[in-house]
Amino acid sequence: MAVSDLDTARAVVADLAAASSVSYPGLEWAVGVARGPSGVPEFWIVSNEGASYIPAGVYVPRTMPLVRGMDPDFDARWFGWFDPAETVWRSITSRGLTVSAIATTWSTPGERVTENVPALAAGVLGLEGGPPAAEAAQPARNRSHRLETLSDSIWFQLQQAERTEMEEYCRALIERIAFAEPALSSTAQDIARTIAAGRWPTADEWAALQEEYQRAQLMAGAQRPGLLGIEDPEQLVAYQADFMICRRLEALLAWERGDLADLLYAALVGGVDLSNH
C-alpha cells in the first residue's frame, strides 16, 4: 500500500518540479500522503516558499490540497521552512493522521521525516524536458489556477466579470500594491504611477523592475528559515518581509503580461488589502 502511495507522490513531485523549473528555479516541493481512519489516501502538496506559494504557470491537481490556510498559527510558524518534507509531515501529523509516504525534491529531509515516514523518496528530480513535459504546466479542468487555490470566490468573480471592469479594478489596486507600507522602490512606484495614469511603462522600466524582482528573490532565498533545522524568530521575520516585497513586485510584473489572475494572487499572498476596491 505504502509503495503505491510513494509512487504517486513521487510522480506528482517530479511533475511540479518540472513545471516550476523555469519560472521559479530552486523551489523545493513535497507531497505527503495521509491515511485517516477510512484508509483512503489524501495527497497534500507543499512548497518551501511562503505558505505553499505556487509560482505562475503551475497548476495543481484539484484533488490534492495545499498545506496552507487550515491553521494560521501553523502557517506563520513554518512560513518558508526550508525542508518541505518536514512541513508536510508536521501538518499531517498535527491533525492526528498517519503519514504513509512522502516524496520531495529536497535532498536531505530532517530526522523527524527520515525516522517516522515508512516510505520516503528524497531528492526527486523534475521530469526531463521542463515545463513542456509537465502536466502541471498546462491548465486543465482537473487542475486549479493558483488564484483559485487561494480564493475561489475571487477567481469566480474574475471569470464572470468583463475584462475591462477587472482591468480597472486591478489598475486601481496597482497604487496600493506599490505605495502601501513598506512602500516599494522608486522604480516600482514610477511604474505604478504610469499604470494608474493609463499609460504604459517603457521596455527599460519593465526590464529594471524585472531585475529588481530577481534581486529581491535572491535576498528572500538567503533568509529562508530552517536550513539548519533550527527555528530563528528574527530570521523568520526578515524572510517574511522580503517575501512580501517579492510578491508585490511580482504583482506589478503581472500587469506587463496582462495576467490579472496572477496579479491578484501575488497581491493577496503579498499581504495587499483587496477590500474597498
C-alpha atoms as a PDB file:
ATOM      1  CA  MET A   1       0.000   0.000   0.000  1.00  0.00           C
ATOM      2  CA  ALA A   2       2.717   2.474   1.012  1.00  0.00           C
ATOM      3  CA  VAL A   3       4.687   1.688  -2.133  1.00  0.00           C
ATOM      4  CA  SER A   4       1.853   2.807  -4.408  1.00  0.00           C
ATOM      5  CA  ASP A   5       1.374   5.895  -2.245  1.00  0.00           C
ATOM      6  CA  LEU A   6       5.045   6.728  -2.683  1.00  0.00           C
ATOM      7  CA  ASP A   7       4.964   6.118  -6.419  1.00  0.00           C
ATOM      8  CA  THR A   8       2.052   8.514  -6.805  1.00  0.00           C
ATOM      9  CA  ALA A   9       3.632  11.149  -4.566  1.00  0.00           C
ATOM     10  CA  ARG A  10       6.937  10.881  -6.425  1.00  0.00           C
ATOM     11  CA  ALA A  11       5.225  11.345  -9.792  1.00  0.00           C
ATOM     12  CA  VAL A  12       3.384  14.453  -8.588  1.00  0.00           C
ATOM     13  CA  VAL A  13       6.560  15.981  -7.157  1.00  0.00           C
ATOM     14  CA  ALA A  14       8.532  15.308 -10.346  1.00  0.00           C
ATOM     15  CA  ASP A  15       5.770  16.919 -12.383  1.00  0.00           C
ATOM     16  CA  LEU A  16       5.538  20.014 -10.151  1.00  0.00           C
ATOM     17  CA  ALA A  17       9.314  20.412 -10.138  1.00  0.00           C
ATOM     18  CA  ALA A  18       9.409  20.324 -13.928  1.00  0.00           C
ATOM     19  CA  ALA A  19       6.549  22.815 -14.201  1.00  0.00           C
ATOM     20  CA  SER A  20       8.278  25.355 -11.921  1.00  0.00           C
ATOM     21  CA  SER A  21      11.838  24.754 -13.134  1.00  0.00           C
ATOM     22  CA  VAL A  22      11.974  27.755 -15.474  1.00  0.00           C
ATOM     23  CA  SER A  23       9.720  30.301 -13.771  1.00  0.00           C
ATOM     24  CA  TYR A  24      10.984  29.551 -10.254  1.00  0.00           C
ATOM     25  CA  PRO A  25      14.245  27.557 -10.252  1.00  0.00           C
ATOM     26  CA  GLY A  26      15.346  26.308  -6.864  1.00  0.00           C
ATOM     27  CA  LEU A  27      11.853  25.939  -5.433  1.00  0.00           C
ATOM     28  CA  GLU A  28      11.535  22.756  -3.364  1.00  0.00           C
ATOM     29  CA  TRP A  29       8.373  20.643  -3.344  1.00  0.00           C
ATOM     30  CA  ALA A  30       6.997  17.822  -1.226  1.00  0.00           C
ATOM     31  CA  VAL A  31       3.897  15.651  -1.368  1.00  0.00           C
ATOM     32  CA  GLY A  32       2.814  13.852   1.770  1.00  0.00           C
ATOM     33  CA  VAL A  33       0.300  11.021   1.881  1.00  0.00           C
ATOM     34  CA  ALA A  34      -2.115  10.973   4.802  1.00  0.00           C
ATOM     35  CA  ARG A  35      -4.201   7.985   5.802  1.00  0.00           C
ATOM     36  CA  GLY A  36      -7.034   8.532   8.226  1.00  0.00           C
ATOM     37  CA  PRO A  37      -9.483   6.049   9.762  1.00  0.00           C
ATOM     38  CA  SER A  38     -11.095   5.378   6.372  1.00  0.00           C
ATOM     39  CA  GLY A  39      -7.773   4.271   4.920  1.00  0.00           C
ATOM     40  CA  VAL A  40      -8.297   6.380   1.806  1.00  0.00           C
ATOM     41  CA  PRO A  41      -5.077   8.215   0.897  1.00  0.00           C
ATOM     42  CA  GLU A  42      -5.001  12.008   0.825  1.00  0.00           C
ATOM     43  CA  PHE A  43      -2.158  13.682  -1.053  1.00  0.00           C
ATOM     44  CA  TRP A  44      -1.025  17.024   0.375  1.00  0.00           C
ATOM     45  CA  ILE A  45       1.200  19.419  -1.563  1.00  0.00           C
ATOM     46  CA  VAL A  46       3.651  21.934  -0.106  1.00  0.00           C
ATOM     47  CA  SER A  47       6.374  24.191  -1.483  1.00  0.00           C
ATOM     48  CA  ASN A  48       9.102  25.733   0.649  1.00  0.00           C
ATOM     49  CA  GLU A  49       8.303  29.317  -0.324  1.00  0.00           C
ATOM     50  CA  GLY A  50       5.938  31.221   1.942  1.00  0.00           C
ATOM     51  CA  ALA A  51       2.871  29.208   2.908  1.00  0.00           C
ATOM     52  CA  SER A  52       2.909  26.769  -0.025  1.00  0.00           C
ATOM     53  CA  TYR A  53       3.371  29.549  -2.568  1.00  0.00           C
ATOM     54  CA  ILE A  54       2.714  28.441  -6.155  1.00  0.00           C
ATOM     55  CA  PRO A  55       4.677  30.069  -8.997  1.00  0.00           C
ATOM     56  CA  ALA A  56       2.965  31.487 -12.057  1.00  0.00           C
ATOM     57  CA  GLY A  57       2.229  28.867 -14.680  1.00  0.00           C
ATOM     58  CA  VAL A  58       1.908  25.965 -12.244  1.00  0.00           C
ATOM     59  CA  TYR A  59      -1.494  24.279 -11.933  1.00  0.00           C
ATOM     60  CA  VAL A  60      -2.077  21.870  -9.059  1.00  0.00           C
ATOM     61  CA  PRO A  61      -4.411  18.852  -9.084  1.00  0.00           C
ATOM     62  CA  ARG A  62      -7.844  19.727  -7.715  1.00  0.00           C
ATOM     63  CA  THR A  63      -7.929  16.518  -5.679  1.00  0.00           C
ATOM     64  CA  MET A  64      -4.700  17.354  -3.821  1.00  0.00           C
ATOM     65  CA  PRO A  65      -4.993  20.153  -1.245  1.00  0.00           C
ATOM     66  CA  LEU A  66      -2.186  22.522  -0.333  1.00  0.00           C
ATOM     67  CA  VAL A  67      -0.697  22.720   3.145  1.00  0.00           C
ATOM     68  CA  ARG A  68      -1.992  26.198   3.842  1.00  0.00           C
ATOM     69  CA  GLY A  69      -4.955  28.001   5.298  1.00  0.00           C
ATOM     70  CA  MET A  70      -6.149  25.441   7.840  1.00  0.00           C
ATOM     71  CA  ASP A  71      -4.233  26.790  10.841  1.00  0.00           C
ATOM     72  CA  PRO A  72      -2.937  30.394  10.775  1.00  0.00           C
ATOM     73  CA  ASP A  73      -0.520  29.678  13.619  1.00  0.00           C
ATOM     74  CA  PHE A  74       0.959  26.741  11.707  1.00  0.00           C
ATOM     75  CA  ASP A  75       1.281  28.792   8.527  1.00  0.00           C
ATOM     76  CA  ALA A  76       3.037  31.593  10.402  1.00  0.00           C
ATOM     77  CA  ARG A  77       5.432  29.363  12.318  1.00  0.00           C
ATOM     78  CA  TRP A  78       6.567  27.264   9.349  1.00  0.00           C
ATOM     79  CA  PHE A  79       6.392  30.043   6.755  1.00  0.00           C
ATOM     80  CA  GLY A  80       9.089  29.365   4.159  1.00  0.00           C
ATOM     81  CA  TRP A  81      10.616  26.494   6.145  1.00  0.00           C
ATOM     82  CA  PHE A  82      13.485  25.143   4.061  1.00  0.00           C
ATOM     83  CA  ASP A  83      12.534  21.472   4.288  1.00  0.00           C
ATOM     84  CA  PRO A  84       9.097  20.970   2.678  1.00  0.00           C
ATOM     85  CA  ALA A  85       9.041  17.297   3.683  1.00  0.00           C
ATOM     86  CA  GLU A  86       9.160  18.303   7.335  1.00  0.00           C
ATOM     87  CA  THR A  87       6.433  20.885   6.793  1.00  0.00           C
ATOM     88  CA  VAL A  88       4.036  18.410   5.211  1.00  0.00           C
ATOM     89  CA  TRP A  89       4.845  15.806   7.882  1.00  0.00           C
ATOM     90  CA  ARG A  90       4.118  18.313  10.659  1.00  0.00           C
ATOM     91  CA  SER A  91       0.874  19.381   9.022  1.00  0.00           C
ATOM     92  CA  ILE A  92      -0.482  15.877   8.560  1.00  0.00           C
ATOM     93  CA  THR A  93       0.522  14.565  11.989  1.00  0.00           C
ATOM     94  CA  SER A  94      -0.813  17.681  13.740  1.00  0.00           C
ATOM     95  CA  ARG A  95      -4.283  16.581  12.606  1.00  0.00           C
ATOM     96  CA  GLY A  96      -3.872  13.129  14.072  1.00  0.00           C
ATOM     97  CA  LEU A  97      -3.396  11.378  10.741  1.00  0.00           C
ATOM     98  CA  THR A  98      -0.801   8.801   9.762  1.00  0.00           C
ATOM     99  CA  VAL A  99       1.817   9.648   7.152  1.00  0.00           C
ATOM    100  CA  SER A 100       2.289   6.663   4.855  1.00  0.00           C
ATOM    101  CA  ALA A 101       4.698   8.261   2.392  1.00  0.00           C
ATOM    102  CA  ILE A 102       6.467  11.481   1.446  1.00  0.00           C
ATOM    103  CA  ALA A 103       8.220  12.392  -1.784  1.00  0.00           C
ATOM    104  CA  THR A 104      10.281  15.569  -2.021  1.00  0.00           C
ATOM    105  CA  THR A 105      12.757  17.358  -4.232  1.00  0.00           C
ATOM    106  CA  TRP A 106      14.711  18.305  -1.094  1.00  0.00           C
ATOM    107  CA  SER A 107      17.719  16.011  -0.846  1.00  0.00           C
ATOM    108  CA  THR A 108      18.200  15.899   2.934  1.00  0.00           C
ATOM    109  CA  PRO A 109      14.935  15.769   4.910  1.00  0.00           C
ATOM    110  CA  GLY A 110      15.253  16.154   8.668  1.00  0.00           C
ATOM    111  CA  GLU A 111      15.274  13.375  11.245  1.00  0.00           C
ATOM    112  CA  ARG A 112      11.575  13.748  12.035  1.00  0.00           C
ATOM    113  CA  VAL A 113      10.855  12.684   8.483  1.00  0.00           C
ATOM    114  CA  THR A 114      13.559  10.059   7.993  1.00  0.00           C
ATOM    115  CA  GLU A 115      12.753   8.343  11.300  1.00  0.00           C
ATOM    116  CA  ASN A 116       8.954   8.437  11.131  1.00  0.00           C
ATOM    117  CA  VAL A 117       7.924   8.071   7.492  1.00  0.00           C
ATOM    118  CA  PRO A 118       7.816   4.440   6.306  1.00  0.00           C
ATOM    119  CA  ALA A 119       8.174   5.264   2.598  1.00  0.00           C
ATOM    120  CA  LEU A 120      10.343   8.233   1.647  1.00  0.00           C
ATOM    121  CA  ALA A 121      11.743   9.477  -1.657  1.00  0.00           C
ATOM    122  CA  ALA A 122      14.173  12.392  -1.284  1.00  0.00           C
ATOM    123  CA  GLY A 123      15.993  14.333  -3.972  1.00  0.00           C
ATOM    124  CA  VAL A 124      13.296  13.675  -6.575  1.00  0.00           C
ATOM    125  CA  LEU A 125      14.242  15.315  -9.870  1.00  0.00           C
ATOM    126  CA  GLY A 126      11.873  17.162 -12.148  1.00  0.00           C
ATOM    127  CA  LEU A 127      10.770  15.439 -15.320  1.00  0.00           C
ATOM    128  CA  GLU A 128      13.191  15.780 -18.204  1.00  0.00           C
ATOM    129  CA  GLY A 129      12.032  18.381 -20.668  1.00  0.00           C
ATOM    130  CA  GLY A 130      10.979  21.004 -18.118  1.00  0.00           C
ATOM    131  CA  PRO A 131       7.580  22.732 -18.319  1.00  0.00           C
ATOM    132  CA  PRO A 132       6.623  21.364 -21.769  1.00  0.00           C
ATOM    133  CA  ALA A 133       6.825  17.842 -20.325  1.00  0.00           C
ATOM    134  CA  ALA A 134       4.819  18.645 -17.186  1.00  0.00           C
ATOM    135  CA  GLU A 135       1.076  18.222 -16.812  1.00  0.00           C
ATOM    136  CA  ALA A 136       1.227  20.816 -14.020  1.00  0.00           C
ATOM    137  CA  ALA A 137       2.330  23.440 -16.557  1.00  0.00           C
ATOM    138  CA  GLN A 138      -0.882  23.051 -18.572  1.00  0.00           C
ATOM    139  CA  PRO A 139      -4.269  24.441 -17.486  1.00  0.00           C
ATOM    140  CA  ALA A 140      -6.897  21.715 -17.392  1.00  0.00           C
ATOM    141  CA  ARG A 141     -10.325  21.021 -15.907  1.00  0.00           C
ATOM    142  CA  ASN A 142      -8.812  18.774 -13.246  1.00  0.00           C
ATOM    143  CA  ARG A 143      -6.237  21.381 -12.197  1.00  0.00           C
ATOM    144  CA  SER A 144      -6.565  24.668 -10.332  1.00  0.00           C
ATOM    145  CA  HIS A 145      -5.074  28.037 -11.198  1.00  0.00           C
ATOM    146  CA  ARG A 146      -3.089  29.275  -8.231  1.00  0.00           C
ATOM    147  CA  LEU A 147      -5.578  32.097  -7.553  1.00  0.00           C
ATOM    148  CA  GLU A 148      -8.360  29.528  -7.268  1.00  0.00           C
ATOM    149  CA  THR A 149      -6.420  27.672  -4.553  1.00  0.00           C
ATOM    150  CA  LEU A 150      -6.202  30.886  -2.551  1.00  0.00           C
ATOM    151  CA  SER A 151      -9.675  32.347  -3.090  1.00  0.00           C
ATOM    152  CA  ASP A 152     -12.197  30.516  -5.223  1.00  0.00           C
ATOM    153  CA  SER A 153     -14.624  33.436  -4.794  1.00  0.00           C
ATOM    154  CA  ILE A 154     -12.203  35.979  -6.301  1.00  0.00           C
ATOM    155  CA  TRP A 155     -11.341  33.510  -9.050  1.00  0.00           C
ATOM    156  CA  PHE A 156     -15.046  33.095  -9.843  1.00  0.00           C
ATOM    157  CA  GLN A 157     -15.602  36.866  -9.909  1.00  0.00           C
ATOM    158  CA  LEU A 158     -12.665  37.258 -12.275  1.00  0.00           C
ATOM    159  CA  GLN A 159     -14.133  34.657 -14.636  1.00  0.00           C
ATOM    160  CA  GLN A 160     -17.591  36.235 -14.621  1.00  0.00           C
ATOM    161  CA  ALA A 161     -16.686  39.926 -14.858  1.00  0.00           C
ATOM    162  CA  GLU A 162     -15.988  41.874 -18.025  1.00  0.00           C
ATOM    163  CA  ARG A 163     -12.289  42.139 -18.839  1.00  0.00           C
ATOM    164  CA  THR A 164     -12.394  45.950 -18.878  1.00  0.00           C
ATOM    165  CA  GLU A 165     -14.060  46.012 -15.466  1.00  0.00           C
ATOM    166  CA  MET A 166     -11.366  43.808 -13.930  1.00  0.00           C
ATOM    167  CA  GLU A 167      -8.614  45.814 -15.612  1.00  0.00           C
ATOM    168  CA  GLU A 168      -9.902  48.978 -13.966  1.00  0.00           C
ATOM    169  CA  TYR A 169     -10.132  47.183 -10.629  1.00  0.00           C
ATOM    170  CA  CYS A 170      -6.535  45.986 -10.918  1.00  0.00           C
ATOM    171  CA  ARG A 171      -5.321  49.359 -12.180  1.00  0.00           C
ATOM    172  CA  ALA A 172      -6.686  50.959  -9.013  1.00  0.00           C
ATOM    173  CA  LEU A 173      -5.100  48.183  -6.961  1.00  0.00           C
ATOM    174  CA  ILE A 174      -1.671  48.864  -8.500  1.00  0.00           C
ATOM    175  CA  GLU A 175      -1.225  52.029  -6.428  1.00  0.00           C
ATOM    176  CA  ARG A 176      -1.989  50.152  -3.229  1.00  0.00           C
ATOM    177  CA  ILE A 177       0.490  47.447  -4.213  1.00  0.00           C
ATOM    178  CA  ALA A 178       3.291  49.979  -4.742  1.00  0.00           C
ATOM    179  CA  PHE A 179       2.627  52.545  -2.026  1.00  0.00           C
ATOM    180  CA  ALA A 180       1.311  50.563   0.945  1.00  0.00           C
ATOM    181  CA  GLU A 181       3.818  50.409   3.788  1.00  0.00           C
ATOM    182  CA  PRO A 182       6.541  49.400   3.472  1.00  0.00           C
ATOM    183  CA  ALA A 183       6.491  51.255   0.163  1.00  0.00           C
ATOM    184  CA  LEU A 184       8.238  49.705  -2.802  1.00  0.00           C
ATOM    185  CA  SER A 185      11.262  51.222  -4.559  1.00  0.00           C
ATOM    186  CA  SER A 186      11.135  54.402  -6.632  1.00  0.00           C
ATOM    187  CA  THR A 187      11.389  52.237  -9.761  1.00  0.00           C
ATOM    188  CA  ALA A 188       8.277  50.296  -8.779  1.00  0.00           C
ATOM    189  CA  GLN A 189       6.439  53.450  -7.720  1.00  0.00           C
ATOM    190  CA  ASP A 190       7.177  55.208 -11.016  1.00  0.00           C
ATOM    191  CA  ILE A 191       5.796  52.232 -12.917  1.00  0.00           C
ATOM    192  CA  ALA A 192       2.716  52.177 -10.689  1.00  0.00           C
ATOM    193  CA  ARG A 193       2.071  55.880 -11.323  1.00  0.00           C
ATOM    194  CA  THR A 194       2.386  55.337 -15.066  1.00  0.00           C
ATOM    195  CA  ILE A 195      -0.087  52.441 -14.990  1.00  0.00           C
ATOM    196  CA  ALA A 196      -2.522  54.333 -12.751  1.00  0.00           C
ATOM    197  CA  ALA A 197      -2.451  57.215 -15.237  1.00  0.00           C
ATOM    198  CA  GLY A 198      -3.475  54.872 -18.028  1.00  0.00           C
ATOM    199  CA  ARG A 199      -0.101  54.828 -19.750  1.00  0.00           C
ATOM    200  CA  TRP A 200       2.355  52.019 -20.476  1.00  0.00           C
ATOM    201  CA  PRO A 201       5.828  51.833 -18.885  1.00  0.00           C
ATOM    202  CA  THR A 202       8.815  51.703 -21.227  1.00  0.00           C
ATOM    203  CA  ALA A 203      10.656  48.486 -22.019  1.00  0.00           C
ATOM    204  CA  ASP A 204      13.618  49.745 -19.990  1.00  0.00           C
ATOM    205  CA  GLU A 205      11.380  50.374 -16.989  1.00  0.00           C
ATOM    206  CA  TRP A 206       9.929  46.878 -17.168  1.00  0.00           C
ATOM    207  CA  ALA A 207      13.434  45.414 -17.507  1.00  0.00           C
ATOM    208  CA  ALA A 208      14.616  47.369 -14.456  1.00  0.00           C
ATOM    209  CA  LEU A 209      11.651  46.091 -12.449  1.00  0.00           C
ATOM    210  CA  GLN A 210      12.365  42.517 -13.523  1.00  0.00           C
ATOM    211  CA  GLU A 211      15.989  42.877 -12.406  1.00  0.00           C
ATOM    212  CA  GLU A 212      14.838  44.274  -9.071  1.00  0.00           C
ATOM    213  CA  TYR A 213      12.478  41.342  -8.641  1.00  0.00           C
ATOM    214  CA  GLN A 214      15.286  38.865  -9.311  1.00  0.00           C
ATOM    215  CA  ARG A 215      17.497  40.567  -6.710  1.00  0.00           C
ATOM    216  CA  ALA A 216      14.658  40.536  -4.192  1.00  0.00           C
ATOM    217  CA  GLN A 217      14.142  36.827  -4.833  1.00  0.00           C
ATOM    218  CA  LEU A 218      17.789  36.127  -4.054  1.00  0.00           C
ATOM    219  CA  MET A 219      17.534  38.191  -0.876  1.00  0.00           C
ATOM    220  CA  ALA A 220      14.443  36.317   0.294  1.00  0.00           C
ATOM    221  CA  GLY A 221      16.005  32.963  -0.533  1.00  0.00           C
ATOM    222  CA  ALA A 222      19.048  33.804   1.570  1.00  0.00           C
ATOM    223  CA  GLN A 223      16.754  34.467   4.543  1.00  0.00           C
ATOM    224  CA  ARG A 224      14.599  31.350   4.218  1.00  0.00           C
ATOM    225  CA  PRO A 225      14.366  29.759   7.679  1.00  0.00           C
ATOM    226  CA  GLY A 226      15.218  26.225   8.712  1.00  0.00           C
ATOM    227  CA  LEU A 227      18.247  25.368   6.568  1.00  0.00           C
ATOM    228  CA  LEU A 228      19.988  24.029   9.672  1.00  0.00           C
ATOM    229  CA  GLY A 229      16.749  22.716  11.159  1.00  0.00           C
ATOM    230  CA  ILE A 230      16.646  25.411  13.842  1.00  0.00           C
ATOM    231  CA  GLU A 231      13.849  27.919  14.386  1.00  0.00           C
ATOM    232  CA  ASP A 232      15.089  31.525  14.436  1.00  0.00           C
ATOM    233  CA  PRO A 233      12.307  34.092  15.034  1.00  0.00           C
ATOM    234  CA  GLU A 234      14.399  37.031  13.804  1.00  0.00           C
ATOM    235  CA  GLN A 235      15.304  35.236  10.592  1.00  0.00           C
ATOM    236  CA  LEU A 236      11.658  34.325  10.051  1.00  0.00           C
ATOM    237  CA  VAL A 237      10.612  37.976  10.388  1.00  0.00           C
ATOM    238  CA  ALA A 238      13.297  39.057   7.914  1.00  0.00           C
ATOM    239  CA  TYR A 239      12.247  36.371   5.450  1.00  0.00           C
ATOM    240  CA  GLN A 240       8.565  37.283   5.748  1.00  0.00           C
ATOM    241  CA  ALA A 241       9.334  40.924   4.952  1.00  0.00           C
ATOM    242  CA  ASP A 242      11.452  40.009   1.922  1.00  0.00           C
ATOM    243  CA  PHE A 243       8.837  37.519   0.712  1.00  0.00           C
ATOM    244  CA  MET A 244       6.081  40.153   0.827  1.00  0.00           C
ATOM    245  CA  ILE A 245       8.184  42.599  -1.189  1.00  0.00           C
ATOM    246  CA  CYS A 246       8.818  39.894  -3.795  1.00  0.00           C
ATOM    247  CA  ARG A 247       5.136  39.177  -4.199  1.00  0.00           C
ATOM    248  CA  ARG A 248       4.225  42.847  -4.617  1.00  0.00           C
ATOM    249  CA  LEU A 249       6.909  43.249  -7.292  1.00  0.00           C
ATOM    250  CA  GLU A 250       5.578  40.087  -8.914  1.00  0.00           C
ATOM    251  CA  ALA A 251       2.083  41.582  -8.943  1.00  0.00           C
ATOM    252  CA  LEU A 252       3.324  44.651 -10.826  1.00  0.00           C
ATOM    253  CA  LEU A 253       5.137  42.464 -13.352  1.00  0.00           C
ATOM    254  CA  ALA A 254       1.936  40.505 -13.955  1.00  0.00           C
ATOM    255  CA  TRP A 255       0.428  43.693 -15.399  1.00  0.00           C
ATOM    256  CA  GLU A 256       3.051  43.617 -18.159  1.00  0.00           C
ATOM    257  CA  ARG A 257       1.810  40.145 -19.161  1.00  0.00           C
ATOM    258  CA  GLY A 258      -1.809  41.216 -18.856  1.00  0.00           C
ATOM    259  CA  ASP A 259      -2.421  38.371 -16.421  1.00  0.00           C
ATOM    260  CA  LEU A 260      -4.940  39.685 -13.924  1.00  0.00           C
ATOM    261  CA  ALA A 261      -5.336  36.350 -12.119  1.00  0.00           C
ATOM    262  CA  ASP A 262      -1.614  36.208 -11.392  1.00  0.00           C
ATOM    263  CA  LEU A 263      -1.645  39.857 -10.337  1.00  0.00           C
ATOM    264  CA  LEU A 264      -4.414  39.211  -7.819  1.00  0.00           C
ATOM    265  CA  TYR A 265      -2.747  36.053  -6.500  1.00  0.00           C
ATOM    266  CA  ALA A 266       0.582  37.800  -5.941  1.00  0.00           C
ATOM    267  CA  ALA A 267      -1.132  40.781  -4.320  1.00  0.00           C
ATOM    268  CA  LEU A 268      -3.104  38.561  -1.949  1.00  0.00           C
ATOM    269  CA  VAL A 269      -0.080  36.482  -0.974  1.00  0.00           C
ATOM    270  CA  GLY A 270       1.898  39.708  -0.582  1.00  0.00           C
ATOM    271  CA  GLY A 271      -0.492  40.947   2.078  1.00  0.00           C
ATOM    272  CA  VAL A 272      -2.198  43.625  -0.022  1.00  0.00           C
ATOM    273  CA  ASP A 273      -5.686  44.545   1.180  1.00  0.00           C
ATOM    274  CA  LEU A 274      -8.111  43.957  -1.685  1.00  0.00           C
ATOM    275  CA  SER A 275     -11.144  45.344   0.154  1.00  0.00           C
ATOM    276  CA  ASN A 276     -12.730  48.715  -0.637  1.00  0.00           C
ATOM    277  CA  HIS A 277     -11.849  48.469  -4.316  1.00  0.00           C
END
